[in-house]
Amino acid sequence: MTRTASPLVWLLAGSAFLAAVVAALYLGLADTYSSESCSAAADGVTRCTQSGETLAEANGNGVLWLLLIPILMTTAVLVGAVLRAPGWLTWSISGLFASLCVVSALTIGGFFFPAAVLALAAAAAAGRAVRQTPHLESLDGHA
């Protein structure tokens, strides 16, 4: 019996991983905090200044370690789905990841929500592929 995953499982789990990496890179590198202040001068001219900060600039470099959590979770889903780990394990990791995205939806969770949906889809596809695999009645090939 082969232990390789179907192309759909590879596609979904790989897409979940890539979506998590893209979201983490965006949050780590882009100006996610922006502000604008305007003041009126005595001569009637309004001057506005704009500024922006990355997540690390606003909250410290320690926050970048938190961005690794979604990447690690999607990596676990990818490895688990591809190696056909027990279905409860892949579903648990995917479900926990999706739950964390929902809980943190108003902050960074929304950025990782597409990766969570893809991870859940990969877990479903991996479970479906396992159920459709014919089972051997004996190890020596005789029925």
C-alpha atoms as a PDB file:
ATOM      1  CA  MET A   1       0.000   0.000   0.000  1.00  0.00           C
ATOM      2  CA  THR A   2       1.426   3.380  -0.953  1.00  0.00           C
ATOM      3  CA  ARG A   3       1.817   6.129   1.638  1.00  0.00           C
ATOM      4  CA  THR A   4       1.898   9.067  -0.745  1.00  0.00           C
ATOM      5  CA  ALA A   5      -0.818  11.672  -0.636  1.00  0.00           C
ATOM      6  CA  SER A   6      -3.065  12.590  -3.508  1.00  0.00           C
ATOM      7  CA  PRO A   7      -2.243  15.650  -5.628  1.00  0.00           C
ATOM      8  CA  LEU A   8      -5.234  17.464  -4.109  1.00  0.00           C
ATOM      9  CA  VAL A   9      -3.845  17.000  -0.599  1.00  0.00           C
ATOM     10  CA  TRP A  10      -0.442  18.271  -1.746  1.00  0.00           C
ATOM     11  CA  LEU A  11      -2.076  21.281  -3.403  1.00  0.00           C
ATOM     12  CA  LEU A  12      -4.259  22.225  -0.430  1.00  0.00           C
ATOM     13  CA  ALA A  13      -1.646  21.659   2.273  1.00  0.00           C
ATOM     14  CA  GLY A  14       1.064  23.383   0.228  1.00  0.00           C
ATOM     15  CA  SER A  15      -1.236  26.316  -0.467  1.00  0.00           C
ATOM     16  CA  ALA A  16      -2.012  26.608   3.247  1.00  0.00           C
ATOM     17  CA  PHE A  17       1.709  26.742   4.006  1.00  0.00           C
ATOM     18  CA  LEU A  18       2.366  29.339   1.292  1.00  0.00           C
ATOM     19  CA  ALA A  19      -0.585  31.467   2.432  1.00  0.00           C
ATOM     20  CA  ALA A  20       0.786  31.447   5.988  1.00  0.00           C
ATOM     21  CA  VAL A  21       4.273  32.401   4.779  1.00  0.00           C
ATOM     22  CA  VAL A  22       2.914  35.249   2.644  1.00  0.00           C
ATOM     23  CA  ALA A  23       0.780  36.579   5.509  1.00  0.00           C
ATOM     24  CA  ALA A  24       3.716  36.393   7.931  1.00  0.00           C
ATOM     25  CA  LEU A  25       6.027  38.166   5.492  1.00  0.00           C
ATOM     26  CA  TYR A  26       3.445  40.877   4.894  1.00  0.00           C
ATOM     27  CA  LEU A  27       2.888  41.414   8.611  1.00  0.00           C
ATOM     28  CA  GLY A  28       6.615  41.381   9.298  1.00  0.00           C
ATOM     29  CA  LEU A  29       7.731  43.694   6.515  1.00  0.00           C
ATOM     30  CA  ALA A  30       4.861  45.990   5.528  1.00  0.00           C
ATOM     31  CA  ASP A  31       3.846  49.201   7.247  1.00  0.00           C
ATOM     32  CA  THR A  32       0.809  47.860   9.055  1.00  0.00           C
ATOM     33  CA  TYR A  33       0.514  50.839  11.387  1.00  0.00           C
ATOM     34  CA  SER A  34      -0.024  54.228   9.809  1.00  0.00           C
ATOM     35  CA  SER A  35      -0.985  57.612  11.131  1.00  0.00           C
ATOM     36  CA  GLU A  36      -1.559  61.064   9.794  1.00  0.00           C
ATOM     37  CA  SER A  37      -1.589  64.298  11.714  1.00  0.00           C
ATOM     38  CA  CYS A  38      -2.615  67.655  10.386  1.00  0.00           C
ATOM     39  CA  SER A  39      -2.148  71.075  11.891  1.00  0.00           C
ATOM     40  CA  ALA A  40      -3.260  74.457  10.781  1.00  0.00           C
ATOM     41  CA  ALA A  41      -0.653  77.179  10.790  1.00  0.00           C
ATOM     42  CA  ALA A  42      -1.326  80.819  11.627  1.00  0.00           C
ATOM     43  CA  ASP A  43      -1.168  81.694   7.942  1.00  0.00           C
ATOM     44  CA  GLY A  44      -4.125  79.371   7.232  1.00  0.00           C
ATOM     45  CA  VAL A  45      -2.107  76.612   5.558  1.00  0.00           C
ATOM     46  CA  THR A  46      -2.800  73.095   6.752  1.00  0.00           C
ATOM     47  CA  ARG A  47       0.226  70.848   6.975  1.00  0.00           C
ATOM     48  CA  CYS A  48      -0.169  67.087   7.223  1.00  0.00           C
ATOM     49  CA  THR A  49       2.459  64.518   8.049  1.00  0.00           C
ATOM     50  CA  GLN A  50       2.122  60.805   7.548  1.00  0.00           C
ATOM     51  CA  SER A  51       4.059  58.032   9.241  1.00  0.00           C
ATOM     52  CA  GLY A  52       4.020  54.258   9.170  1.00  0.00           C
ATOM     53  CA  GLU A  53       5.480  51.460  11.247  1.00  0.00           C
ATOM     54  CA  THR A  54       5.896  47.759  10.803  1.00  0.00           C
ATOM     55  CA  LEU A  55       4.554  45.321  13.359  1.00  0.00           C
ATOM     56  CA  ALA A  56       8.050  44.913  14.849  1.00  0.00           C
ATOM     57  CA  GLU A  57       8.662  48.665  15.021  1.00  0.00           C
ATOM     58  CA  ALA A  58       5.399  49.217  16.858  1.00  0.00           C
ATOM     59  CA  ASN A  59       5.540  46.208  19.218  1.00  0.00           C
ATOM     60  CA  GLY A  60       9.194  45.145  19.369  1.00  0.00           C
ATOM     61  CA  ASN A  61      11.099  42.382  17.615  1.00  0.00           C
ATOM     62  CA  GLY A  62       9.682  39.711  19.923  1.00  0.00           C
ATOM     63  CA  VAL A  63       6.397  39.832  18.045  1.00  0.00           C
ATOM     64  CA  LEU A  64       8.106  38.353  14.992  1.00  0.00           C
ATOM     65  CA  TRP A  65       8.386  35.024  16.842  1.00  0.00           C
ATOM     66  CA  LEU A  66       4.586  34.950  17.037  1.00  0.00           C
ATOM     67  CA  LEU A  67       4.447  35.042  13.243  1.00  0.00           C
ATOM     68  CA  LEU A  68       6.236  31.688  13.164  1.00  0.00           C
ATOM     69  CA  ILE A  69       3.341  29.929  14.918  1.00  0.00           C
ATOM     70  CA  PRO A  70       1.040  29.858  11.851  1.00  0.00           C
ATOM     71  CA  ILE A  71       3.940  28.763   9.656  1.00  0.00           C
ATOM     72  CA  LEU A  72       4.782  25.925  12.046  1.00  0.00           C
ATOM     73  CA  MET A  73       1.135  24.869  12.286  1.00  0.00           C
ATOM     74  CA  THR A  74       0.676  24.766   8.517  1.00  0.00           C
ATOM     75  CA  THR A  75       3.973  22.893   8.225  1.00  0.00           C
ATOM     76  CA  ALA A  76       2.599  20.302  10.651  1.00  0.00           C
ATOM     77  CA  VAL A  77      -0.598  20.035   8.582  1.00  0.00           C
ATOM     78  CA  LEU A  78       1.443  19.677   5.390  1.00  0.00           C
ATOM     79  CA  VAL A  79       3.671  16.956   6.835  1.00  0.00           C
ATOM     80  CA  GLY A  80       0.767  15.194   8.526  1.00  0.00           C
ATOM     81  CA  ALA A  81      -1.459  15.223   5.463  1.00  0.00           C
ATOM     82  CA  VAL A  82       1.284  14.180   3.058  1.00  0.00           C
ATOM     83  CA  LEU A  83       2.587  11.380   5.288  1.00  0.00           C
ATOM     84  CA  ARG A  84      -0.969  10.314   6.096  1.00  0.00           C
ATOM     85  CA  ALA A  85      -0.729  10.851   9.817  1.00  0.00           C
ATOM     86  CA  PRO A  86      -3.761   9.823  11.857  1.00  0.00           C
ATOM     87  CA  GLY A  87      -6.745  11.902  10.830  1.00  0.00           C
ATOM     88  CA  TRP A  88      -7.411  13.168  14.347  1.00  0.00           C
ATOM     89  CA  LEU A  89      -3.936  14.711  14.460  1.00  0.00           C
ATOM     90  CA  THR A  90      -4.271  16.629  11.198  1.00  0.00           C
ATOM     91  CA  TRP A  91      -7.800  17.725  12.103  1.00  0.00           C
ATOM     92  CA  SER A  92      -6.687  18.810  15.584  1.00  0.00           C
ATOM     93  CA  ILE A  93      -3.865  20.972  14.295  1.00  0.00           C
ATOM     94  CA  SER A  94      -6.057  22.467  11.564  1.00  0.00           C
ATOM     95  CA  GLY A  95      -8.904  23.086  14.000  1.00  0.00           C
ATOM     96  CA  LEU A  96      -6.631  24.694  16.570  1.00  0.00           C
ATOM     97  CA  PHE A  97      -5.126  26.926  13.891  1.00  0.00           C
ATOM     98  CA  ALA A  98      -8.572  27.970  12.646  1.00  0.00           C
ATOM     99  CA  SER A  99      -9.720  28.606  16.232  1.00  0.00           C
ATOM    100  CA  LEU A 100      -6.710  30.810  16.898  1.00  0.00           C
ATOM    101  CA  CYS A 101      -7.434  32.745  13.714  1.00  0.00           C
ATOM    102  CA  VAL A 102     -11.033  33.326  14.790  1.00  0.00           C
ATOM    103  CA  VAL A 103     -10.030  34.406  18.308  1.00  0.00           C
ATOM    104  CA  SER A 104      -7.441  36.841  16.946  1.00  0.00           C
ATOM    105  CA  ALA A 105      -9.510  37.915  13.938  1.00  0.00           C
ATOM    106  CA  LEU A 106      -9.485  41.579  14.909  1.00  0.00           C
ATOM    107  CA  THR A 107      -5.692  41.705  15.034  1.00  0.00           C
ATOM    108  CA  ILE A 108      -3.523  39.393  12.921  1.00  0.00           C
ATOM    109  CA  GLY A 109      -5.861  36.385  12.714  1.00  0.00           C
ATOM    110  CA  GLY A 110      -7.652  37.748   9.682  1.00  0.00           C
ATOM    111  CA  PHE A 111      -4.430  37.691   7.699  1.00  0.00           C
ATOM    112  CA  PHE A 112      -3.992  33.972   8.414  1.00  0.00           C
ATOM    113  CA  PHE A 113      -7.638  32.980   7.892  1.00  0.00           C
ATOM    114  CA  PRO A 114      -7.119  31.853   4.240  1.00  0.00           C
ATOM    115  CA  ALA A 115      -4.299  29.571   5.405  1.00  0.00           C
ATOM    116  CA  ALA A 116      -6.568  28.136   8.113  1.00  0.00           C
ATOM    117  CA  VAL A 117      -9.357  27.398   5.623  1.00  0.00           C
ATOM    118  CA  LEU A 118      -6.869  25.711   3.287  1.00  0.00           C
ATOM    119  CA  ALA A 119      -5.452  23.678   6.198  1.00  0.00           C
ATOM    120  CA  LEU A 120      -8.956  22.471   7.104  1.00  0.00           C
ATOM    121  CA  ALA A 121      -9.579  21.575   3.464  1.00  0.00           C
ATOM    122  CA  ALA A 122      -6.281  19.664   3.352  1.00  0.00           C
ATOM    123  CA  ALA A 123      -7.253  17.725   6.486  1.00  0.00           C
ATOM    124  CA  ALA A 124     -10.621  16.888   4.924  1.00  0.00           C
ATOM    125  CA  ALA A 125      -9.037  15.807   1.645  1.00  0.00           C
ATOM    126  CA  ALA A 126      -6.420  13.714   3.457  1.00  0.00           C
ATOM    127  CA  GLY A 127      -9.108  12.011   5.521  1.00  0.00           C
ATOM    128  CA  ARG A 128     -11.161  11.336   2.409  1.00  0.00           C
ATOM    129  CA  ALA A 129      -8.142   9.841   0.638  1.00  0.00           C
ATOM    130  CA  VAL A 130      -7.478   7.510   3.567  1.00  0.00           C
ATOM    131  CA  ARG A 131     -11.103   6.324   3.615  1.00  0.00           C
ATOM    132  CA  GLN A 132     -10.968   5.592  -0.110  1.00  0.00           C
ATOM    133  CA  THR A 133      -7.757   3.551   0.115  1.00  0.00           C
ATOM    134  CA  PRO A 134      -8.540  -0.149  -0.287  1.00  0.00           C
ATOM    135  CA  HIS A 135      -7.556  -2.153   2.745  1.00  0.00           C
ATOM    136  CA  LEU A 136      -5.653  -5.369   2.428  1.00  0.00           C
ATOM    137  CA  GLU A 137      -7.087  -8.344   4.283  1.00  0.00           C
ATOM    138  CA  SER A 138      -3.698  -9.887   4.851  1.00  0.00           C
ATOM    139  CA  LEU A 139      -0.123  -8.789   4.555  1.00  0.00           C
ATOM    140  CA  ASP A 140       0.914 -11.567   2.200  1.00  0.00           C
ATOM    141  CA  GLY A 141      -1.559 -10.522  -0.506  1.00  0.00           C
ATOM    142  CA  HIS A 142      -3.893 -13.499  -0.226  1.00  0.00           C
ATOM    143  CA  ALA A 143      -7.546 -12.816   0.335  1.00  0.00           C
END
